[in-house]
Amino acid sequence: MDTEELIETFELLGDWEERYRYLIDLGRKLPPLPEADRTEANKVRGCMSQVWLTHRLLPGSPPRLEFHGDSDAHIVKGLIALLFMLLSGRSPEQILQTDVSGVFERLGLENHISMNRRNGFYAMVERIRQTAQAHLNAAS
């Protein structure tokens, strides 16, 4: 699903209760994160709930980054799934060029999730951007 499709889906959902349910459903569809990946090194700092993010480099020209993650909170799992829809499977350049905060705002999430969740969301975005930047630096 691309960004515009995601935004359209959110707009089609009526109230925020439906949108939260959709987010939770997205989170439920995340593949399980292996227990071995639930390490301190993979934990995202700045999140109130526990969040783990991992990645792997997919070969190709250009190489792409695939992300995996999990959380102990349902809404946060949904936010992880949303982030992966926007960024996973893309090249480091594409990841760095994606205006995640703009999409977040267009989805209306800026005003409908708590400050702590918003901070945690941006901590996840920052971790993904740092990963993309590191791969970009390593390639040059």
Foldseek 3Di string as FASTA:
>chain_A
DELVVVLVVLVPQDDVVSVLVVLLVLLVPADDDDPVQQDPVQWQPLAPWTKGKDWDWADDVVIFIAMHMHTPDRNLSSLVSVVRNHGGPGALVSLLPDPVVVSCVSSVVVPPDDPSSVRSSVSVSVVSNVVSVVVVVVVD
